[in-house]
PDB file of N, CA and C in Angstrom:
ATOM      1  N   MET A   1      59.243 103.238 -44.394  1.00  0.00           N
ATOM      2  CA  MET A   1      59.196 102.610 -43.085  1.00  0.00           C
ATOM      3  C   MET A   1      57.939 101.745 -42.999  1.00  0.00           C
ATOM      4  N   THR A   2      58.112 100.557 -42.485  1.00  0.00           N
ATOM      5  CA  THR A   2      56.949  99.699 -42.303  1.00  0.00           C
ATOM      6  C   THR A   2      56.245 100.065 -40.998  1.00  0.00           C
ATOM      7  N   ASN A   3      54.977  99.823 -40.958  1.00  0.00           N
ATOM      8  CA  ASN A   3      54.160 100.127 -39.789  1.00  0.00           C
ATOM      9  C   ASN A   3      54.343  99.000 -38.764  1.00  0.00           C
ATOM     10  N   PRO A   4      55.004  99.265 -37.624  1.00  0.00           N
ATOM     11  CA  PRO A   4      55.224  98.192 -36.650  1.00  0.00           C
ATOM     12  C   PRO A   4      53.924  97.676 -36.032  1.00  0.00           C
ATOM     13  N   TRP A   5      52.879  98.492 -36.049  1.00  0.00           N
ATOM     14  CA  TRP A   5      51.618  98.100 -35.428  1.00  0.00           C
ATOM     15  C   TRP A   5      50.909  97.022 -36.227  1.00  0.00           C
ATOM     16  N   GLU A   6      51.321  96.790 -37.483  1.00  0.00           N
ATOM     17  CA  GLU A   6      50.752  95.699 -38.279  1.00  0.00           C
ATOM     18  C   GLU A   6      51.040  94.343 -37.633  1.00  0.00           C
ATOM     19  N   ALA A   7      52.140  94.239 -36.885  1.00  0.00           N
ATOM     20  CA  ALA A   7      52.533  92.973 -36.262  1.00  0.00           C
ATOM     21  C   ALA A   7      51.770  92.698 -34.959  1.00  0.00           C
ATOM     22  N   LEU A   8      51.086  93.691 -34.442  1.00  0.00           N
ATOM     23  CA  LEU A   8      50.373  93.535 -33.176  1.00  0.00           C
ATOM     24  C   LEU A   8      49.038  92.829 -33.401  1.00  0.00           C
ATOM     25  N   ASP A   9      48.754  91.825 -32.597  1.00  0.00           N
ATOM     26  CA  ASP A   9      47.494  91.096 -32.705  1.00  0.00           C
ATOM     27  C   ASP A   9      46.387  91.924 -32.048  1.00  0.00           C
ATOM     28  N   VAL A  10      45.831  92.874 -32.798  1.00  0.00           N
ATOM     29  CA  VAL A  10      44.808  93.763 -32.235  1.00  0.00           C
ATOM     30  C   VAL A  10      43.456  93.081 -32.138  1.00  0.00           C
ATOM     31  N   ASP A  11      43.328  91.892 -32.711  1.00  0.00           N
ATOM     32  CA  ASP A  11      42.062  91.167 -32.620  1.00  0.00           C
ATOM     33  C   ASP A  11      42.050  90.200 -31.439  1.00  0.00           C
ATOM     34  N   GLY A  12      43.197  90.007 -30.808  1.00  0.00           N
ATOM     35  CA  GLY A  12      43.288  89.109 -29.667  1.00  0.00           C
ATOM     36  C   GLY A  12      42.857  89.807 -28.382  1.00  0.00           C
ATOM     37  N   ALA A  13      43.110  89.144 -27.278  1.00  0.00           N
ATOM     38  CA  ALA A  13      42.685  89.655 -25.973  1.00  0.00           C
ATOM     39  C   ALA A  13      43.798  90.381 -25.242  1.00  0.00           C
ATOM     40  N   GLY A  14      44.952  90.569 -25.868  1.00  0.00           N
ATOM     41  CA  GLY A  14      46.064  91.238 -25.215  1.00  0.00           C
ATOM     42  C   GLY A  14      46.919  90.228 -24.478  1.00  0.00           C
ATOM     43  N   PRO A  15      47.985  90.635 -23.874  1.00  0.00           N
ATOM     44  CA  PRO A  15      48.432  92.021 -23.763  1.00  0.00           C
ATOM     45  C   PRO A  15      48.860  92.567 -25.121  1.00  0.00           C
ATOM     46  N   TYR A  16      48.657  93.855 -25.287  1.00  0.00           N
ATOM     47  CA  TYR A  16      48.951  94.526 -26.552  1.00  0.00           C
ATOM     48  C   TYR A  16      50.314  95.209 -26.449  1.00  0.00           C
ATOM     49  N   VAL A  17      51.366  94.445 -26.759  1.00  0.00           N
ATOM     50  CA  VAL A  17      52.735  94.945 -26.671  1.00  0.00           C
ATOM     51  C   VAL A  17      53.489  94.444 -27.896  1.00  0.00           C
ATOM     52  N   LEU A  18      54.169  95.345 -28.577  1.00  0.00           N
ATOM     53  CA  LEU A  18      54.999  94.935 -29.701  1.00  0.00           C
ATOM     54  C   LEU A  18      56.164  94.105 -29.188  1.00  0.00           C
ATOM     55  N   GLU A  19      56.554  93.102 -29.941  1.00  0.00           N
ATOM     56  CA  GLU A  19      57.646  92.213 -29.536  1.00  0.00           C
ATOM     57  C   GLU A  19      58.909  93.008 -29.204  1.00  0.00           C
ATOM     58  N   GLU A  20      59.238  93.993 -30.031  1.00  0.00           N
ATOM     59  CA  GLU A  20      60.474  94.758 -29.806  1.00  0.00           C
ATOM     60  C   GLU A  20      60.388  95.683 -28.586  1.00  0.00           C
ATOM     61  N   ASP A  21      59.185  95.904 -28.065  1.00  0.00           N
ATOM     62  CA  ASP A  21      59.013  96.743 -26.877  1.00  0.00           C
ATOM     63  C   ASP A  21      59.019  95.956 -25.566  1.00  0.00           C
ATOM     64  N   LYS A  22      58.940  94.635 -25.647  1.00  0.00           N
ATOM     65  CA  LYS A  22      58.819  93.818 -24.434  1.00  0.00           C
ATOM     66  C   LYS A  22      59.983  93.980 -23.456  1.00  0.00           C
ATOM     67  N   PRO A  23      61.265  94.012 -23.908  1.00  0.00           N
ATOM     68  CA  PRO A  23      62.351  94.192 -22.932  1.00  0.00           C
ATOM     69  C   PRO A  23      62.270  95.542 -22.196  1.00  0.00           C
ATOM     70  N   ALA A  24      61.982  96.612 -22.910  1.00  0.00           N
ATOM     71  CA  ALA A  24      61.878  97.930 -22.269  1.00  0.00           C
ATOM     72  C   ALA A  24      60.686  97.975 -21.325  1.00  0.00           C
ATOM     73  N   LEU A  25      59.582  97.360 -21.730  1.00  0.00           N
ATOM     74  CA  LEU A  25      58.396  97.327 -20.877  1.00  0.00           C
ATOM     75  C   LEU A  25      58.673  96.541 -19.597  1.00  0.00           C
ATOM     76  N   ALA A  26      59.353  95.409 -19.724  1.00  0.00           N
ATOM     77  CA  ALA A  26      59.680  94.601 -18.542  1.00  0.00           C
ATOM     78  C   ALA A  26      60.554  95.398 -17.575  1.00  0.00           C
ATOM     79  N   ALA A  27      61.510  96.144 -18.087  1.00  0.00           N
ATOM     80  CA  ALA A  27      62.373  96.966 -17.233  1.00  0.00           C
ATOM     81  C   ALA A  27      61.576  98.063 -16.542  1.00  0.00           C
ATOM     82  N   ALA A  28      60.683  98.711 -17.275  1.00  0.00           N
ATOM     83  CA  ALA A  28      59.859  99.771 -16.687  1.00  0.00           C
ATOM     84  C   ALA A  28      58.927  99.213 -15.626  1.00  0.00           C
ATOM     85  N   GLU A  29      58.330  98.067 -15.890  1.00  0.00           N
ATOM     86  CA  GLU A  29      57.432  97.441 -14.922  1.00  0.00           C
ATOM     87  C   GLU A  29      58.194  97.013 -13.667  1.00  0.00           C
ATOM     88  N   ALA A  30      59.428  96.539 -13.833  1.00  0.00           N
ATOM     89  CA  ALA A  30      60.240  96.155 -12.676  1.00  0.00           C
ATOM     90  C   ALA A  30      60.539  97.377 -11.808  1.00  0.00           C
ATOM     91  N   THR A  31      60.815  98.509 -12.441  1.00  0.00           N
ATOM     92  CA  THR A  31      61.048  99.752 -11.700  1.00  0.00           C
ATOM     93  C   THR A  31      59.798 100.144 -10.926  1.00  0.00           C
ATOM     94  N   CYS A  32      58.653 100.073 -11.566  1.00  0.00           N
ATOM     95  CA  CYS A  32      57.384 100.391 -10.890  1.00  0.00           C
ATOM     96  C   CYS A  32      57.163  99.452  -9.706  1.00  0.00           C
ATOM     97  N   ALA A  33      57.418  98.173  -9.903  1.00  0.00           N
ATOM     98  CA  ALA A  33      57.190  97.184  -8.841  1.00  0.00           C
ATOM     99  C   ALA A  33      58.092  97.457  -7.641  1.00  0.00           C
ATOM    100  N   ARG A  34      59.340  97.870  -7.888  1.00  0.00           N
ATOM    101  CA  ARG A  34      60.252  98.174  -6.781  1.00  0.00           C
ATOM    102  C   ARG A  34      59.771  99.363  -5.960  1.00  0.00           C
ATOM    103  N   LYS A  35      58.999 100.232  -6.568  1.00  0.00           N
ATOM    104  CA  LYS A  35      58.509 101.427  -5.861  1.00  0.00           C
ATOM    105  C   LYS A  35      57.228 101.148  -5.081  1.00  0.00           C
ATOM    106  N   GLY A  36      56.721  99.939  -5.178  1.00  0.00           N
ATOM    107  CA  GLY A  36      55.569  99.558  -4.387  1.00  0.00           C
ATOM    108  C   GLY A  36      54.319  99.331  -5.221  1.00  0.00           C
ATOM    109  N   GLU A  37      53.400  98.587  -4.617  1.00  0.00           N
ATOM    110  CA  GLU A  37      52.173  98.195  -5.309  1.00  0.00           C
ATOM    111  C   GLU A  37      51.319  99.393  -5.714  1.00  0.00           C
ATOM    112  N   GLU A  38      51.183 100.365  -4.823  1.00  0.00           N
ATOM    113  CA  GLU A  38      50.361 101.547  -5.133  1.00  0.00           C
ATOM    114  C   GLU A  38      50.954 102.331  -6.297  1.00  0.00           C
ATOM    115  N   PHE A  39      52.273 102.491  -6.311  1.00  0.00           N
ATOM    116  CA  PHE A  39      52.949 103.187  -7.408  1.00  0.00           C
ATOM    117  C   PHE A  39      52.737 102.435  -8.718  1.00  0.00           C
ATOM    118  N   ALA A  40      52.947 101.109  -8.668  1.00  0.00           N
ATOM    119  CA  ALA A  40      52.793 100.289  -9.874  1.00  0.00           C
ATOM    120  C   ALA A  40      51.363 100.344 -10.397  1.00  0.00           C
ATOM    121  N   LYS A  41      50.392 100.328  -9.487  1.00  0.00           N
ATOM    122  CA  LYS A  41      48.988 100.392  -9.904  1.00  0.00           C
ATOM    123  C   LYS A  41      48.680 101.730 -10.585  1.00  0.00           C
ATOM    124  N   ARG A  42      49.258 102.790 -10.043  1.00  0.00           N
ATOM    125  CA  ARG A  42      48.966 104.123 -10.583  1.00  0.00           C
ATOM    126  C   ARG A  42      49.748 104.440 -11.854  1.00  0.00           C
ATOM    127  N   TYR A  43      51.008 104.026 -11.909  1.00  0.00           N
ATOM    128  CA  TYR A  43      51.875 104.427 -13.018  1.00  0.00           C
ATOM    129  C   TYR A  43      52.284 103.304 -13.955  1.00  0.00           C
ATOM    130  N   GLY A  44      51.880 102.072 -13.657  1.00  0.00           N
ATOM    131  CA  GLY A  44      52.251 100.960 -14.521  1.00  0.00           C
ATOM    132  C   GLY A  44      51.517 101.007 -15.858  1.00  0.00           C
ATOM    133  N   TYR A  45      51.978 100.205 -16.780  1.00  0.00           N
ATOM    134  CA  TYR A  45      51.381 100.160 -18.110  1.00  0.00           C
ATOM    135  C   TYR A  45      50.123  99.292 -18.097  1.00  0.00           C
ATOM    136  N   ARG A  46      49.152  99.689 -18.854  1.00  0.00           N
ATOM    137  CA  ARG A  46      47.899  98.941 -18.976  1.00  0.00           C
ATOM    138  C   ARG A  46      47.878  98.248 -20.339  1.00  0.00           C
ATOM    139  N   THR A  47      48.518  97.105 -20.391  1.00  0.00           N
ATOM    140  CA  THR A  47      48.675  96.400 -21.664  1.00  0.00           C
ATOM    141  C   THR A  47      47.416  95.651 -22.080  1.00  0.00           C
ATOM    142  N   ASN A  48      46.370  95.707 -21.242  1.00  0.00           N
ATOM    143  CA  ASN A  48      45.092  95.110 -21.613  1.00  0.00           C
ATOM    144  C   ASN A  48      44.279  96.050 -22.508  1.00  0.00           C
ATOM    145  N   LEU A  49      44.727  97.300 -22.643  1.00  0.00           N
ATOM    146  CA  LEU A  49      44.046  98.279 -23.500  1.00  0.00           C
ATOM    147  C   LEU A  49      44.799  98.404 -24.823  1.00  0.00           C
ATOM    148  N   LEU A  50      44.070  98.598 -25.897  1.00  0.00           N
ATOM    149  CA  LEU A  50      44.727  98.799 -27.189  1.00  0.00           C
ATOM    150  C   LEU A  50      45.581 100.059 -27.123  1.00  0.00           C
ATOM    151  N   PRO A  51      46.785 100.022 -27.676  1.00  0.00           N
ATOM    152  CA  PRO A  51      47.650 101.206 -27.625  1.00  0.00           C
ATOM    153  C   PRO A  51      47.089 102.335 -28.475  1.00  0.00           C
ATOM    154  N   ASP A  52      47.470 103.533 -28.103  1.00  0.00           N
ATOM    155  CA  ASP A  52      46.989 104.730 -28.799  1.00  0.00           C
ATOM    156  C   ASP A  52      48.176 105.653 -29.065  1.00  0.00           C
ATOM    157  N   PRO A  53      49.153 105.177 -29.880  1.00  0.00           N
ATOM    158  CA  PRO A  53      50.360 105.976 -30.092  1.00  0.00           C
ATOM    159  C   PRO A  53      50.139 107.194 -30.999  1.00  0.00           C
ATOM    160  N   PHE A  54      49.083 107.167 -31.771  1.00  0.00           N
ATOM    161  CA  PHE A  54      48.757 108.256 -32.682  1.00  0.00           C
ATOM    162  C   PHE A  54      47.287 108.134 -33.040  1.00  0.00           C
ATOM    163  N   THR A  55      46.720 109.191 -33.552  1.00  0.00           N
ATOM    164  CA  THR A  55      45.344 109.139 -34.037  1.00  0.00           C
ATOM    165  C   THR A  55      45.299 109.844 -35.373  1.00  0.00           C
ATOM    166  N   GLY A  56      44.759 109.179 -36.369  1.00  0.00           N
ATOM    167  CA  GLY A  56      44.589 109.807 -37.670  1.00  0.00           C
ATOM    168  C   GLY A  56      45.561 109.320 -38.718  1.00  0.00           C
ATOM    169  N   ASP A  57      45.546 109.992 -39.831  1.00  0.00           N
ATOM    170  CA  ASP A  57      46.340 109.650 -40.999  1.00  0.00           C
ATOM    171  C   ASP A  57      47.788 110.106 -40.808  1.00  0.00           C
ATOM    172  N   PRO A  58      48.759 109.177 -40.817  1.00  0.00           N
ATOM    173  CA  PRO A  58      50.154 109.588 -40.628  1.00  0.00           C
ATOM    174  C   PRO A  58      50.690 110.445 -41.779  1.00  0.00           C
ATOM    175  N   ASP A  59      49.979 110.483 -42.903  1.00  0.00           N
ATOM    176  CA  ASP A  59      50.393 111.313 -44.031  1.00  0.00           C
ATOM    177  C   ASP A  59      49.674 112.662 -44.068  1.00  0.00           C
ATOM    178  N   ALA A  60      48.974 112.999 -43.002  1.00  0.00           N
ATOM    179  CA  ALA A  60      48.227 114.268 -42.956  1.00  0.00           C
ATOM    180  C   ALA A  60      49.194 115.456 -43.054  1.00  0.00           C
ATOM    181  N   PRO A  61      48.746 116.553 -43.663  1.00  0.00           N
ATOM    182  CA  PRO A  61      49.619 117.723 -43.791  1.00  0.00           C
ATOM    183  C   PRO A  61      49.811 118.486 -42.477  1.00  0.00           C
ATOM    184  N   ILE A  62      48.991 118.191 -41.485  1.00  0.00           N
ATOM    185  CA  ILE A  62      49.083 118.867 -40.193  1.00  0.00           C
ATOM    186  C   ILE A  62      49.155 117.808 -39.100  1.00  0.00           C
ATOM    187  N   VAL A  63      50.029 118.026 -38.120  1.00  0.00           N
ATOM    188  CA  VAL A  63      50.142 117.122 -36.982  1.00  0.00           C
ATOM    189  C   VAL A  63      49.877 117.930 -35.724  1.00  0.00           C
ATOM    190  N   VAL A  64      49.007 117.411 -34.864  1.00  0.00           N
ATOM    191  CA  VAL A  64      48.689 118.070 -33.605  1.00  0.00           C
ATOM    192  C   VAL A  64      49.182 117.177 -32.471  1.00  0.00           C
ATOM    193  N   PHE A  65      50.004 117.727 -31.600  1.00  0.00           N
ATOM    194  CA  PHE A  65      50.510 116.983 -30.449  1.00  0.00           C
ATOM    195  C   PHE A  65      49.619 117.271 -29.247  1.00  0.00           C
ATOM    196  N   THR A  66      49.275 116.224 -28.512  1.00  0.00           N
ATOM    197  CA  THR A  66      48.443 116.390 -27.330  1.00  0.00           C
ATOM    198  C   THR A  66      49.095 115.668 -26.156  1.00  0.00           C
ATOM    199  N   LEU A  67      48.596 115.943 -24.980  1.00  0.00           N
ATOM    200  CA  LEU A  67      49.080 115.248 -23.791  1.00  0.00           C
ATOM    201  C   LEU A  67      48.419 113.886 -23.679  1.00  0.00           C
ATOM    202  N   ASN A  68      48.967 113.043 -22.827  1.00  0.00           N
ATOM    203  CA  ASN A  68      48.364 111.761 -22.544  1.00  0.00           C
ATOM    204  C   ASN A  68      46.965 112.006 -21.991  1.00  0.00           C
ATOM    205  N   PRO A  69      45.946 111.350 -22.545  1.00  0.00           N
ATOM    206  CA  PRO A  69      44.582 111.610 -22.083  1.00  0.00           C
ATOM    207  C   PRO A  69      44.278 111.077 -20.691  1.00  0.00           C
ATOM    208  N   GLY A  70      45.162 110.263 -20.132  1.00  0.00           N
ATOM    209  CA  GLY A  70      44.915 109.725 -18.798  1.00  0.00           C
ATOM    210  C   GLY A  70      44.154 108.415 -18.850  1.00  0.00           C
ATOM    211  N   TYR A  71      43.741 107.971 -17.695  1.00  0.00           N
ATOM    212  CA  TYR A  71      43.097 106.666 -17.563  1.00  0.00           C
ATOM    213  C   TYR A  71      41.973 106.790 -16.539  1.00  0.00           C
ATOM    214  N   THR A  72      40.833 106.244 -16.861  1.00  0.00           N
ATOM    215  CA  THR A  72      39.690 106.238 -15.948  1.00  0.00           C
ATOM    216  C   THR A  72      39.443 104.812 -15.493  1.00  0.00           C
ATOM    217  N   ASP A  73      39.660 104.563 -14.194  1.00  0.00           N
ATOM    218  CA  ASP A  73      39.410 103.218 -13.671  1.00  0.00           C
ATOM    219  C   ASP A  73      37.948 103.093 -13.251  1.00  0.00           C
ATOM    220  N   ASP A  74      37.553 101.908 -12.810  1.00  0.00           N
ATOM    221  CA  ASP A  74      36.152 101.660 -12.438  1.00  0.00           C
ATOM    222  C   ASP A  74      35.684 102.570 -11.306  1.00  0.00           C
ATOM    223  N   ALA A  75      36.535 102.772 -10.291  1.00  0.00           N
ATOM    224  CA  ALA A  75      36.142 103.613  -9.149  1.00  0.00           C
ATOM    225  C   ALA A  75      35.921 105.058  -9.584  1.00  0.00           C
ATOM    226  N   LYS A  76      36.813 105.574 -10.423  1.00  0.00           N
ATOM    227  CA  LYS A  76      36.669 106.949 -10.903  1.00  0.00           C
ATOM    228  C   LYS A  76      35.428 107.082 -11.780  1.00  0.00           C
ATOM    229  N   ALA A  77      35.171 106.080 -12.609  1.00  0.00           N
ATOM    230  CA  ALA A  77      33.984 106.119 -13.472  1.00  0.00           C
ATOM    231  C   ALA A  77      32.710 106.172 -12.637  1.00  0.00           C
ATOM    232  N   LEU A  78      32.679 105.422 -11.533  1.00  0.00           N
ATOM    233  CA  LEU A  78      31.501 105.460 -10.657  1.00  0.00           C
ATOM    234  C   LEU A  78      31.331 106.831 -10.010  1.00  0.00           C
ATOM    235  N   ARG A  79      32.444 107.428  -9.571  1.00  0.00           N
ATOM    236  CA  ARG A  79      32.368 108.762  -8.950  1.00  0.00           C
ATOM    237  C   ARG A  79      31.915 109.818  -9.955  1.00  0.00           C
ATOM    238  N   TRP A  80      32.313 109.659 -11.209  1.00  0.00           N
ATOM    239  CA  TRP A  80      32.005 110.668 -12.232  1.00  0.00           C
ATOM    240  C   TRP A  80      30.698 110.403 -12.961  1.00  0.00           C
ATOM    241  N   ARG A  81      30.005 109.315 -12.614  1.00  0.00           N
ATOM    242  CA  ARG A  81      28.745 109.011 -13.274  1.00  0.00           C
ATOM    243  C   ARG A  81      27.797 110.192 -13.101  1.00  0.00           C
ATOM    244  N   GLY A  82      27.099 110.571 -14.122  1.00  0.00           N
ATOM    245  CA  GLY A  82      26.223 111.739 -14.067  1.00  0.00           C
ATOM    246  C   GLY A  82      26.940 113.009 -14.497  1.00  0.00           C
ATOM    247  N   LYS A  83      28.276 112.938 -14.637  1.00  0.00           N
ATOM    248  CA  LYS A  83      29.055 114.095 -15.096  1.00  0.00           C
ATOM    249  C   LYS A  83      29.620 113.813 -16.489  1.00  0.00           C
ATOM    250  N   GLY A  84      28.964 112.933 -17.203  1.00  0.00           N
ATOM    251  CA  GLY A  84      29.385 112.623 -18.564  1.00  0.00           C
ATOM    252  C   GLY A  84      30.189 111.346 -18.710  1.00  0.00           C
ATOM    253  N   CYS A  85      30.635 110.763 -17.605  1.00  0.00           N
ATOM    254  CA  CYS A  85      31.428 109.541 -17.670  1.00  0.00           C
ATOM    255  C   CYS A  85      30.484 108.335 -17.686  1.00  0.00           C
ATOM    256  N   THR A  86      30.599 107.502 -18.706  1.00  0.00           N
ATOM    257  CA  THR A  86      29.680 106.366 -18.833  1.00  0.00           C
ATOM    258  C   THR A  86      30.350 105.027 -18.573  1.00  0.00           C
ATOM    259  N   GLY A  87      31.629 105.028 -18.251  1.00  0.00           N
ATOM    260  CA  GLY A  87      32.311 103.768 -17.973  1.00  0.00           C
ATOM    261  C   GLY A  87      33.809 103.952 -17.919  1.00  0.00           C
ATOM    262  N   SER A  88      34.498 102.976 -17.343  1.00  0.00           N
ATOM    263  CA  SER A  88      35.953 103.034 -17.252  1.00  0.00           C
ATOM    264  C   SER A  88      36.578 102.759 -18.616  1.00  0.00           C
ATOM    265  N   ASP A  89      37.869 103.069 -18.734  1.00  0.00           N
ATOM    266  CA  ASP A  89      38.575 102.753 -19.974  1.00  0.00           C
ATOM    267  C   ASP A  89      38.586 101.252 -20.225  1.00  0.00           C
ATOM    268  N   ASP A  90      38.748 100.464 -19.148  1.00  0.00           N
ATOM    269  CA  ASP A  90      38.715  99.005 -19.304  1.00  0.00           C
ATOM    270  C   ASP A  90      37.385  98.558 -19.896  1.00  0.00           C
ATOM    271  N   TRP A  91      36.286  99.121 -19.393  1.00  0.00           N
ATOM    272  CA  TRP A  91      34.964  98.744 -19.889  1.00  0.00           C
ATOM    273  C   TRP A  91      34.810  99.100 -21.367  1.00  0.00           C
ATOM    274  N   TRP A  92      35.185 100.313 -21.733  1.00  0.00           N
ATOM    275  CA  TRP A  92      35.026 100.741 -23.122  1.00  0.00           C
ATOM    276  C   TRP A  92      35.857  99.901 -24.076  1.00  0.00           C
ATOM    277  N   HIS A  93      37.082  99.588 -23.688  1.00  0.00           N
ATOM    278  CA  HIS A  93      37.937  98.772 -24.556  1.00  0.00           C
ATOM    279  C   HIS A  93      37.405  97.351 -24.692  1.00  0.00           C
ATOM    280  N   ALA A  94      36.786  96.832 -23.643  1.00  0.00           N
ATOM    281  CA  ALA A  94      36.286  95.458 -23.676  1.00  0.00           C
ATOM    282  C   ALA A  94      34.903  95.341 -24.301  1.00  0.00           C
ATOM    283  N   ASN A  95      34.087  96.387 -24.224  1.00  0.00           N
ATOM    284  CA  ASN A  95      32.679  96.262 -24.591  1.00  0.00           C
ATOM    285  C   ASN A  95      32.200  97.146 -25.743  1.00  0.00           C
ATOM    286  N   SER A  96      33.004  98.060 -26.202  1.00  0.00           N
ATOM    287  CA  SER A  96      32.561  98.963 -27.256  1.00  0.00           C
ATOM    288  C   SER A  96      33.149  98.538 -28.602  1.00  0.00           C
ATOM    289  N   THR A  97      32.368  97.797 -29.374  1.00  0.00           N
ATOM    290  CA  THR A  97      32.837  97.327 -30.675  1.00  0.00           C
ATOM    291  C   THR A  97      33.217  98.484 -31.600  1.00  0.00           C
ATOM    292  N   PRO A  98      32.415  99.565 -31.699  1.00  0.00           N
ATOM    293  CA  PRO A  98      32.838 100.663 -32.581  1.00  0.00           C
ATOM    294  C   PRO A  98      34.181 101.261 -32.171  1.00  0.00           C
ATOM    295  N   MET A  99      34.425 101.389 -30.879  1.00  0.00           N
ATOM    296  CA  MET A  99      35.692 101.952 -30.421  1.00  0.00           C
ATOM    297  C   MET A  99      36.852 101.028 -30.770  1.00  0.00           C
ATOM    298  N   ARG A 100      36.683  99.732 -30.503  1.00  0.00           N
ATOM    299  CA  ARG A 100      37.739  98.769 -30.820  1.00  0.00           C
ATOM    300  C   ARG A 100      38.012  98.739 -32.322  1.00  0.00           C
ATOM    301  N   ASP A 101      36.966  98.783 -33.136  1.00  0.00           N
ATOM    302  CA  ASP A 101      37.136  98.796 -34.595  1.00  0.00           C
ATOM    303  C   ASP A 101      37.906 100.036 -35.042  1.00  0.00           C
ATOM    304  N   CYS A 102      37.607 101.169 -34.424  1.00  0.00           N
ATOM    305  CA  CYS A 102      38.287 102.420 -34.755  1.00  0.00           C
ATOM    306  C   CYS A 102      39.769 102.333 -34.379  1.00  0.00           C
ATOM    307  N   TYR A 103      40.074 101.819 -33.183  1.00  0.00           N
ATOM    308  CA  TYR A 103      41.469 101.659 -32.754  1.00  0.00           C
ATOM    309  C   TYR A 103      42.218 100.736 -33.704  1.00  0.00           C
ATOM    310  N   ARG A 104      41.600  99.603 -34.056  1.00  0.00           N
ATOM    311  CA  ARG A 104      42.251  98.649 -34.957  1.00  0.00           C
ATOM    312  C   ARG A 104      42.564  99.300 -36.300  1.00  0.00           C
ATOM    313  N   ALA A 105      41.580  99.974 -36.873  1.00  0.00           N
ATOM    314  CA  ALA A 105      41.774 100.623 -38.176  1.00  0.00           C
ATOM    315  C   ALA A 105      42.855 101.694 -38.090  1.00  0.00           C
ATOM    316  N   ASN A 106      42.864 102.452 -37.009  1.00  0.00           N
ATOM    317  CA  ASN A 106      43.848 103.510 -36.840  1.00  0.00           C
ATOM    318  C   ASN A 106      45.263 102.930 -36.770  1.00  0.00           C
ATOM    319  N   LEU A 107      45.459 101.862 -36.002  1.00  0.00           N
ATOM    320  CA  LEU A 107      46.781 101.252 -35.870  1.00  0.00           C
ATOM    321  C   LEU A 107      47.281 100.693 -37.196  1.00  0.00           C
ATOM    322  N   LYS A 108      46.356 100.259 -38.036  1.00  0.00           N
ATOM    323  CA  LYS A 108      46.736  99.685 -39.322  1.00  0.00           C
ATOM    324  C   LYS A 108      46.765 100.727 -40.445  1.00  0.00           C
ATOM    325  N   HIS A 109      46.575 102.002 -40.091  1.00  0.00           N
ATOM    326  CA  HIS A 109      46.569 103.117 -41.050  1.00  0.00           C
ATOM    327  C   HIS A 109      45.465 102.983 -42.094  1.00  0.00           C
ATOM    328  N   GLU A 110      44.342 102.386 -41.698  1.00  0.00           N
ATOM    329  CA  GLU A 110      43.209 102.297 -42.603  1.00  0.00           C
ATOM    330  C   GLU A 110      42.429 103.602 -42.549  1.00  0.00           C
ATOM    331  N   LYS A 111      41.811 103.968 -43.640  1.00  0.00           N
ATOM    332  CA  LYS A 111      41.000 105.182 -43.683  1.00  0.00           C
ATOM    333  C   LYS A 111      39.765 104.987 -42.814  1.00  0.00           C
ATOM    334  N   LEU A 112      39.432 105.982 -42.018  1.00  0.00           N
ATOM    335  CA  LEU A 112      38.314 105.875 -41.093  1.00  0.00           C
ATOM    336  C   LEU A 112      37.066 106.587 -41.571  1.00  0.00           C
ATOM    337  N   VAL A 113      37.116 107.240 -42.699  1.00  0.00           N
ATOM    338  CA  VAL A 113      35.939 107.932 -43.228  1.00  0.00           C
ATOM    339  C   VAL A 113      35.529 107.347 -44.547  1.00  0.00           C
TER     340      VAL A 113
END
C-alpha cells in the first residue's frame, strides 16, 4: 500500500486535506454549517493544522490506540496559562518548527530517532 500522506503538501500553508478526502470533508462541513455557527466552530474540521492520523512507525510490532487529544484554542490557552499550557494548537502548529518537522516526518514515515 502506498502512503497517501506523501501526496499532501505538508510544507505549504494548508489547508491540509488529501484530495480523495475533499468530497467527504465538504459534506461533513455542510452538516456542521446547517447546525449553526457555534456547532461548526466547536465540531468542524481544523484543516489549518497538520493532520495527526497516526504517530510512530507503521511497521512497529505494537500498536496503541488512543482517543482524540482534543483542541486548545487561544481562549482556552489563555485560561490555562500557568497550568502547563504554553499556547493554542494553532500557535504551536504555526510557530514551532520542531513540532512541524516532527509531524512532516511522521506523515512521510521517516524515522524520527
